[in-house]
């Protein structure tokens, strides 16, 4: 093994703070790059479902206001 102990691995001859903070920032960025599109996709699906429901409600309201005898012709 390159390092003699876990403490030496974490310390890395005084450079451990920089190395491990870089690892943490990189992992955080990678996690964000995976999770952000998933969250945006979920929000977009909810918005589309709301739009579909709103359109269906409008169509039902229009059907309710149109008289049923509107198409009768008088002879």
N, C-alpha and C. Protein backbone atom coordinates (compact mmCIF):
# COMPACT_ATOMS: atom_id res chain seq x y z
N UNK A 1 0.85 -1.17 0.00
CA UNK A 1 0.00 0.00 0.00
C UNK A 1 0.90 1.25 0.00
N UNK A 2 0.47 2.27 -0.68
CA UNK A 2 1.26 3.49 -0.82
C UNK A 2 1.36 4.26 0.50
N UNK A 3 0.26 4.31 1.24
CA UNK A 3 0.25 5.02 2.51
C UNK A 3 0.39 4.02 3.64
N UNK A 4 1.11 4.43 4.70
CA UNK A 4 1.39 3.53 5.81
C UNK A 4 0.20 3.38 6.76
N UNK A 5 -0.71 4.37 6.76
CA UNK A 5 -1.87 4.30 7.65
C UNK A 5 -3.00 5.13 7.06
N UNK A 6 -4.16 5.01 7.66
CA UNK A 6 -5.32 5.81 7.24
C UNK A 6 -5.05 7.29 7.49
N UNK A 7 -4.38 7.58 8.59
CA UNK A 7 -4.05 8.97 8.90
C UNK A 7 -3.14 9.56 7.82
N UNK A 8 -2.17 8.79 7.36
CA UNK A 8 -1.28 9.27 6.29
C UNK A 8 -2.05 9.45 4.99
N UNK A 9 -3.02 8.58 4.74
CA UNK A 9 -3.86 8.73 3.55
C UNK A 9 -4.67 10.01 3.61
N UNK A 10 -5.26 10.29 4.76
CA UNK A 10 -6.08 11.50 4.90
C UNK A 10 -5.22 12.76 4.89
N UNK A 11 -4.02 12.70 5.47
CA UNK A 11 -3.15 13.87 5.55
C UNK A 11 -2.42 14.14 4.24
N UNK A 12 -1.98 13.11 3.54
CA UNK A 12 -1.26 13.21 2.27
C UNK A 12 -0.14 14.24 2.32
N UNK A 13 0.70 14.10 3.29
CA UNK A 13 1.87 14.99 3.46
C UNK A 13 1.48 16.46 3.50
N UNK A 14 0.36 16.77 4.13
CA UNK A 14 -0.08 18.16 4.27
C UNK A 14 -0.98 18.64 3.15
N UNK A 15 -1.16 17.83 2.13
CA UNK A 15 -2.01 18.23 0.99
C UNK A 15 -3.41 17.63 1.06
N UNK A 16 -3.70 16.89 2.09
CA UNK A 16 -4.99 16.20 2.21
C UNK A 16 -6.18 17.13 2.18
N UNK A 17 -6.05 18.30 2.80
CA UNK A 17 -7.17 19.26 2.82
C UNK A 17 -7.56 19.64 1.40
N UNK A 18 -6.58 19.89 0.56
CA UNK A 18 -6.85 20.30 -0.81
C UNK A 18 -7.38 19.13 -1.65
N UNK A 19 -6.77 17.98 -1.46
CA UNK A 19 -7.19 16.80 -2.23
C UNK A 19 -8.61 16.40 -1.87
N UNK A 20 -8.89 16.27 -0.58
CA UNK A 20 -10.21 15.78 -0.17
C UNK A 20 -11.31 16.82 -0.40
N UNK A 21 -10.97 18.11 -0.30
CA UNK A 21 -11.98 19.12 -0.63
C UNK A 21 -12.28 19.11 -2.13
N UNK A 22 -11.26 18.85 -2.95
CA UNK A 22 -11.48 18.72 -4.40
C UNK A 22 -12.35 17.50 -4.72
N UNK A 23 -12.10 16.41 -4.01
CA UNK A 23 -12.92 15.21 -4.20
C UNK A 23 -14.37 15.50 -3.81
N UNK A 24 -14.56 16.19 -2.69
CA UNK A 24 -15.92 16.50 -2.23
C UNK A 24 -16.65 17.41 -3.22
N UNK A 25 -15.97 18.43 -3.72
CA UNK A 25 -16.59 19.35 -4.69
C UNK A 25 -16.94 18.60 -5.97
N UNK A 26 -16.04 17.74 -6.42
CA UNK A 26 -16.29 16.96 -7.64
C UNK A 26 -17.49 16.04 -7.47
N UNK A 27 -17.55 15.34 -6.34
CA UNK A 27 -18.69 14.45 -6.09
C UNK A 27 -20.00 15.22 -5.98
N UNK A 28 -19.96 16.40 -5.35
CA UNK A 28 -21.16 17.23 -5.25
C UNK A 28 -21.63 17.68 -6.63
N UNK A 29 -20.68 18.08 -7.47
CA UNK A 29 -21.04 18.51 -8.82
C UNK A 29 -21.62 17.35 -9.63
N UNK A 30 -21.03 16.19 -9.51
CA UNK A 30 -21.54 15.02 -10.24
C UNK A 30 -22.94 14.64 -9.75
N UNK A 31 -23.15 14.71 -8.44
CA UNK A 31 -24.48 14.42 -7.89
C UNK A 31 -25.50 15.42 -8.42
N UNK A 32 -25.13 16.70 -8.47
CA UNK A 32 -26.02 17.73 -8.99
C UNK A 32 -26.33 17.50 -10.47
N UNK A 33 -25.32 17.11 -11.25
CA UNK A 33 -25.52 16.89 -12.68
C UNK A 33 -26.46 15.72 -12.95
N UNK A 34 -26.55 14.79 -12.03
CA UNK A 34 -27.47 13.66 -12.18
C UNK A 34 -28.86 14.01 -11.65
N UNK A 35 -28.91 14.65 -10.49
CA UNK A 35 -30.20 14.87 -9.84
C UNK A 35 -30.99 16.05 -10.41
N UNK A 36 -30.35 17.10 -10.86
CA UNK A 36 -31.06 18.28 -11.36
C UNK A 36 -31.97 17.96 -12.55
N UNK A 37 -31.50 17.25 -13.58
CA UNK A 37 -32.40 16.93 -14.68
C UNK A 37 -33.58 16.04 -14.25
N UNK A 38 -33.34 15.14 -13.31
CA UNK A 38 -34.44 14.30 -12.83
C UNK A 38 -35.50 15.13 -12.12
N UNK A 39 -35.07 16.06 -11.30
CA UNK A 39 -36.02 16.93 -10.60
C UNK A 39 -36.76 17.84 -11.58
N UNK A 40 -36.06 18.36 -12.57
CA UNK A 40 -36.69 19.21 -13.57
C UNK A 40 -37.70 18.42 -14.40
N UNK A 41 -37.36 17.19 -14.72
CA UNK A 41 -38.27 16.34 -15.49
C UNK A 41 -39.54 16.06 -14.70
N UNK A 42 -39.40 15.79 -13.42
CA UNK A 42 -40.56 15.54 -12.57
C UNK A 42 -41.46 16.78 -12.49
N UNK A 43 -40.85 17.95 -12.35
CA UNK A 43 -41.63 19.20 -12.29
C UNK A 43 -42.33 19.46 -13.62
N UNK A 44 -41.67 19.17 -14.73
CA UNK A 44 -42.28 19.36 -16.04
C UNK A 44 -43.47 18.43 -16.23
N UNK A 45 -43.36 17.19 -15.79
CA UNK A 45 -44.48 16.26 -15.90
C UNK A 45 -45.68 16.74 -15.09
N UNK A 46 -45.43 17.27 -13.89
CA UNK A 46 -46.53 17.81 -13.08
C UNK A 46 -47.20 18.98 -13.78
N UNK A 47 -46.40 19.85 -14.40
CA UNK A 47 -46.95 21.00 -15.11
C UNK A 47 -47.79 20.57 -16.30
N UNK A 48 -47.32 19.58 -17.05
CA UNK A 48 -48.08 19.08 -18.20
C UNK A 48 -49.39 18.45 -17.73
N UNK A 49 -49.36 17.71 -16.64
CA UNK A 49 -50.59 17.11 -16.12
C UNK A 49 -51.58 18.19 -15.68
N UNK A 50 -51.09 19.26 -15.07
CA UNK A 50 -51.99 20.37 -14.69
C UNK A 50 -52.60 21.01 -15.93
N UNK A 51 -51.80 21.20 -16.98
CA UNK A 51 -52.32 21.79 -18.22
C UNK A 51 -53.39 20.89 -18.86
N UNK A 52 -53.15 19.59 -18.87
CA UNK A 52 -54.12 18.65 -19.43
C UNK A 52 -55.42 18.70 -18.63
N UNK A 53 -55.31 18.70 -17.30
CA UNK A 53 -56.51 18.76 -16.45
C UNK A 53 -57.27 20.06 -16.67
N UNK A 54 -56.54 21.18 -16.79
CA UNK A 54 -57.17 22.47 -17.01
C UNK A 54 -57.93 22.48 -18.34
N UNK A 55 -57.32 21.90 -19.39
CA UNK A 55 -57.97 21.84 -20.70
C UNK A 55 -59.21 20.97 -20.64
N UNK A 56 -59.13 19.85 -19.94
CA UNK A 56 -60.31 18.98 -19.81
C UNK A 56 -61.42 19.68 -19.05
N UNK A 57 -61.07 20.44 -18.02
CA UNK A 57 -62.08 21.19 -17.27
C UNK A 57 -62.75 22.24 -18.15
N UNK A 58 -61.95 22.91 -18.99
CA UNK A 58 -62.53 23.90 -19.91
C UNK A 58 -63.50 23.25 -20.89
N UNK A 59 -63.11 22.10 -21.43
CA UNK A 59 -63.97 21.41 -22.39
C UNK A 59 -65.27 20.97 -21.74
N UNK A 60 -65.21 20.49 -20.50
CA UNK A 60 -66.43 20.11 -19.79
C UNK A 60 -67.32 21.32 -19.52
N UNK A 61 -66.71 22.44 -19.18
CA UNK A 61 -67.48 23.66 -18.91
C UNK A 61 -68.15 24.15 -20.19
N UNK A 62 -67.48 24.05 -21.32
CA UNK A 62 -68.08 24.47 -22.59
C UNK A 62 -69.24 23.56 -22.95
N UNK A 63 -69.07 22.26 -22.78
CA UNK A 63 -70.15 21.31 -23.08
C UNK A 63 -71.35 21.56 -22.19
N UNK A 64 -71.12 21.95 -20.96
CA UNK A 64 -72.22 22.19 -20.03
C UNK A 64 -73.00 23.45 -20.38
N UNK A 65 -72.37 24.42 -21.03
CA UNK A 65 -73.06 25.67 -21.35
C UNK A 65 -73.73 25.65 -22.72
N UNK A 66 -73.36 24.74 -23.60
CA UNK A 66 -73.97 24.67 -24.93
C UNK A 66 -75.31 23.94 -24.81
N UNK A 67 -76.40 24.56 -25.30
CA UNK A 67 -77.70 23.88 -25.24
C UNK A 67 -77.71 22.63 -26.12
N UNK A 68 -78.43 21.61 -25.66
CA UNK A 68 -78.48 20.35 -26.40
C UNK A 68 -79.36 20.44 -27.64
N UNK A 69 -80.34 21.30 -27.63
CA UNK A 69 -81.27 21.44 -28.74
C UNK A 69 -80.78 22.47 -29.76
N UNK A 70 -79.56 22.77 -29.78
CA UNK A 70 -78.99 23.79 -30.65
C UNK A 70 -79.03 23.41 -32.12
N UNK A 71 -79.04 22.13 -32.45
CA UNK A 71 -78.94 21.67 -33.81
C UNK A 71 -80.29 21.36 -34.46
N UNK A 72 -81.41 21.61 -33.81
CA UNK A 72 -82.71 21.33 -34.40
C UNK A 72 -83.04 22.38 -35.46
N UNK A 73 -83.59 21.91 -36.57
CA UNK A 73 -84.02 22.82 -37.64
C UNK A 73 -85.54 22.90 -37.64
N UNK A 74 -86.08 24.05 -37.86
CA UNK A 74 -87.53 24.20 -37.92
C UNK A 74 -87.97 24.16 -39.37
N UNK A 75 -89.02 23.36 -39.68
CA UNK A 75 -89.54 23.23 -41.06
C UNK A 75 -90.85 23.93 -41.20
